[in-house]
């Protein structure tokens, strides 16, 4: 996927550079058409690629936020278990108190 994005980006940049070179080197306004077409092709390549990369970034951030929330919930649940008398005994290595003899 990264290679495809890099290749598409390089092709778009080549079209953009070629279009700018052709426009800068134009001697008359009628010579600008070729440069404008090259810039238009570069725009068609680079704009969707830019939007795709931005969407990847937001998806990655959402996934990281979700994983952090799940981890926090797991830690909170573990802390709640450790706050019980059984959890405190388990940490200290103590045996549970013996049951009272039936009367």
C-alpha atoms as a PDB file:
ATOM      1  CA  UNK A   1       0.000   0.000   0.000  1.00  0.00           C
ATOM      2  CA  UNK A   2       2.815   2.382   0.876  1.00  0.00           C
ATOM      3  CA  UNK A   3       4.618   1.659  -2.371  1.00  0.00           C
ATOM      4  CA  UNK A   4       1.473   2.393  -4.339  1.00  0.00           C
ATOM      5  CA  UNK A   5       1.005   5.700  -2.508  1.00  0.00           C
ATOM      6  CA  UNK A   6       4.645   6.657  -3.053  1.00  0.00           C
ATOM      7  CA  UNK A   7       4.517   5.782  -6.742  1.00  0.00           C
ATOM      8  CA  UNK A   8       1.253   7.694  -7.237  1.00  0.00           C
ATOM      9  CA  UNK A   9       2.707  10.672  -5.355  1.00  0.00           C
ATOM     10  CA  UNK A  10       5.852  10.668  -7.475  1.00  0.00           C
ATOM     11  CA  UNK A  11       3.855  10.461 -10.693  1.00  0.00           C
ATOM     12  CA  UNK A  12       1.631  13.329  -9.531  1.00  0.00           C
ATOM     13  CA  UNK A  13       4.670  15.424  -8.607  1.00  0.00           C
ATOM     14  CA  UNK A  14       6.278  14.717 -11.986  1.00  0.00           C
ATOM     15  CA  UNK A  15       3.133  15.908 -13.766  1.00  0.00           C
ATOM     16  CA  UNK A  16       2.999  19.003 -11.566  1.00  0.00           C
ATOM     17  CA  UNK A  17       6.657  19.855 -12.164  1.00  0.00           C
ATOM     18  CA  UNK A  18       6.338  19.272 -15.896  1.00  0.00           C
ATOM     19  CA  UNK A  19       3.264  21.503 -16.004  1.00  0.00           C
ATOM     20  CA  UNK A  20       4.994  24.293 -14.093  1.00  0.00           C
ATOM     21  CA  UNK A  21       8.092  24.061 -16.292  1.00  0.00           C
ATOM     22  CA  UNK A  22       5.955  24.246 -19.400  1.00  0.00           C
ATOM     23  CA  UNK A  23       4.011  27.268 -18.093  1.00  0.00           C
ATOM     24  CA  UNK A  24       7.163  29.111 -16.984  1.00  0.00           C
ATOM     25  CA  UNK A  25       8.880  28.413 -20.280  1.00  0.00           C
ATOM     26  CA  UNK A  26       5.861  29.442 -22.367  1.00  0.00           C
ATOM     27  CA  UNK A  27       6.420  32.353 -24.705  1.00  0.00           C
ATOM     28  CA  UNK A  28       2.766  33.095 -25.331  1.00  0.00           C
ATOM     29  CA  UNK A  29      -0.567  32.441 -23.677  1.00  0.00           C
ATOM     30  CA  UNK A  30      -1.467  29.761 -26.207  1.00  0.00           C
ATOM     31  CA  UNK A  31       1.541  27.729 -24.992  1.00  0.00           C
ATOM     32  CA  UNK A  32       0.005  27.555 -21.507  1.00  0.00           C
ATOM     33  CA  UNK A  33      -2.609  24.938 -22.470  1.00  0.00           C
ATOM     34  CA  UNK A  34      -0.178  22.008 -22.291  1.00  0.00           C
ATOM     35  CA  UNK A  35       1.029  23.129 -18.874  1.00  0.00           C
ATOM     36  CA  UNK A  36      -2.500  23.580 -17.605  1.00  0.00           C
ATOM     37  CA  UNK A  37      -3.420  20.053 -18.703  1.00  0.00           C
ATOM     38  CA  UNK A  38      -0.390  18.616 -16.950  1.00  0.00           C
ATOM     39  CA  UNK A  39      -1.283  20.521 -13.771  1.00  0.00           C
ATOM     40  CA  UNK A  40      -4.873  19.289 -14.021  1.00  0.00           C
ATOM     41  CA  UNK A  41      -3.685  15.657 -14.279  1.00  0.00           C
ATOM     42  CA  UNK A  42      -1.405  16.218 -11.275  1.00  0.00           C
ATOM     43  CA  UNK A  43      -4.358  17.645  -9.347  1.00  0.00           C
ATOM     44  CA  UNK A  44      -6.472  14.592 -10.261  1.00  0.00           C
ATOM     45  CA  UNK A  45      -3.756  12.306  -8.902  1.00  0.00           C
ATOM     46  CA  UNK A  46      -2.647  14.215  -5.804  1.00  0.00           C
ATOM     47  CA  UNK A  47      -5.972  15.437  -4.376  1.00  0.00           C
ATOM     48  CA  UNK A  48      -7.598  12.002  -3.858  1.00  0.00           C
ATOM     49  CA  UNK A  49      -4.284  10.673  -2.552  1.00  0.00           C
ATOM     50  CA  UNK A  50      -4.082  13.521  -0.039  1.00  0.00           C
ATOM     51  CA  UNK A  51      -7.662  12.881   1.113  1.00  0.00           C
ATOM     52  CA  UNK A  52      -6.933   9.163   1.467  1.00  0.00           C
ATOM     53  CA  UNK A  53      -3.852   9.817   3.611  1.00  0.00           C
ATOM     54  CA  UNK A  54      -5.840  12.201   5.826  1.00  0.00           C
ATOM     55  CA  UNK A  55      -8.559   9.556   6.286  1.00  0.00           C
ATOM     56  CA  UNK A  56      -5.900   6.956   7.190  1.00  0.00           C
ATOM     57  CA  UNK A  57      -4.574   9.300   9.836  1.00  0.00           C
ATOM     58  CA  UNK A  58      -7.997   9.849  11.395  1.00  0.00           C
ATOM     59  CA  UNK A  59      -8.744   6.094  11.346  1.00  0.00           C
ATOM     60  CA  UNK A  60      -5.446   5.405  13.084  1.00  0.00           C
ATOM     61  CA  UNK A  61      -6.172   8.006  15.752  1.00  0.00           C
ATOM     62  CA  UNK A  62      -9.648   6.562  16.366  1.00  0.00           C
ATOM     63  CA  UNK A  63      -8.208   3.062  16.689  1.00  0.00           C
ATOM     64  CA  UNK A  64      -5.553   4.218  19.145  1.00  0.00           C
ATOM     65  CA  UNK A  65      -8.169   6.064  21.208  1.00  0.00           C
ATOM     66  CA  UNK A  66     -10.386   2.950  21.279  1.00  0.00           C
ATOM     67  CA  UNK A  67      -7.488   0.723  22.370  1.00  0.00           C
ATOM     68  CA  UNK A  68      -6.545   3.204  25.112  1.00  0.00           C
ATOM     69  CA  UNK A  69     -10.124   3.240  26.422  1.00  0.00           C
ATOM     70  CA  UNK A  70     -10.288  -0.567  26.421  1.00  0.00           C
ATOM     71  CA  UNK A  71      -6.987  -0.731  28.296  1.00  0.00           C
ATOM     72  CA  UNK A  72      -8.218   1.829  30.850  1.00  0.00           C
ATOM     73  CA  UNK A  73     -11.424  -0.136  31.392  1.00  0.00           C
ATOM     74  CA  UNK A  74      -9.433  -3.350  31.882  1.00  0.00           C
ATOM     75  CA  UNK A  75      -7.153  -1.644  34.407  1.00  0.00           C
ATOM     76  CA  UNK A  76     -10.135  -0.147  36.243  1.00  0.00           C
ATOM     77  CA  UNK A  77     -11.790  -3.582  36.434  1.00  0.00           C
ATOM     78  CA  UNK A  78      -8.561  -5.102  37.770  1.00  0.00           C
ATOM     79  CA  UNK A  79      -8.252  -2.337  40.380  1.00  0.00           C
ATOM     80  CA  UNK A  80     -11.867  -2.898  41.443  1.00  0.00           C
ATOM     81  CA  UNK A  81     -11.150  -6.622  41.929  1.00  0.00           C
ATOM     82  CA  UNK A  82      -8.063  -5.853  43.995  1.00  0.00           C
ATOM     83  CA  UNK A  83     -10.029  -3.539  46.315  1.00  0.00           C
ATOM     84  CA  UNK A  84     -12.104  -6.428  47.639  1.00  0.00           C
ATOM     85  CA  UNK A  85     -10.986  -8.312  50.758  1.00  0.00           C
ATOM     86  CA  UNK A  86     -10.295 -11.399  48.645  1.00  0.00           C
ATOM     87  CA  UNK A  87      -8.126  -9.347  46.304  1.00  0.00           C
ATOM     88  CA  UNK A  88      -6.169  -7.834  49.188  1.00  0.00           C
ATOM     89  CA  UNK A  89      -5.573 -11.297  50.659  1.00  0.00           C
ATOM     90  CA  UNK A  90      -4.449 -12.578  47.266  1.00  0.00           C
ATOM     91  CA  UNK A  91      -1.879  -9.793  46.994  1.00  0.00           C
ATOM     92  CA  UNK A  92      -0.567 -10.385  50.511  1.00  0.00           C
ATOM     93  CA  UNK A  93      -0.437 -14.140  50.024  1.00  0.00           C
ATOM     94  CA  UNK A  94      -2.645 -14.701  53.026  1.00  0.00           C
ATOM     95  CA  UNK A  95      -4.971 -17.623  53.306  1.00  0.00           C
ATOM     96  CA  UNK A  96      -8.672 -16.828  53.600  1.00  0.00           C
ATOM     97  CA  UNK A  97      -9.933 -16.885  57.194  1.00  0.00           C
ATOM     98  CA  UNK A  98     -11.302 -20.235  58.313  1.00  0.00           C
ATOM     99  CA  UNK A  99     -15.024 -20.623  58.250  1.00  0.00           C
ATOM    100  CA  UNK A 100     -16.804 -20.477  61.595  1.00  0.00           C
ATOM    101  CA  UNK A 101     -17.733 -23.929  62.921  1.00  0.00           C
ATOM    102  CA  UNK A 102     -21.425 -24.756  62.564  1.00  0.00           C
ATOM    103  CA  UNK A 103     -23.363 -24.336  65.787  1.00  0.00           C
END
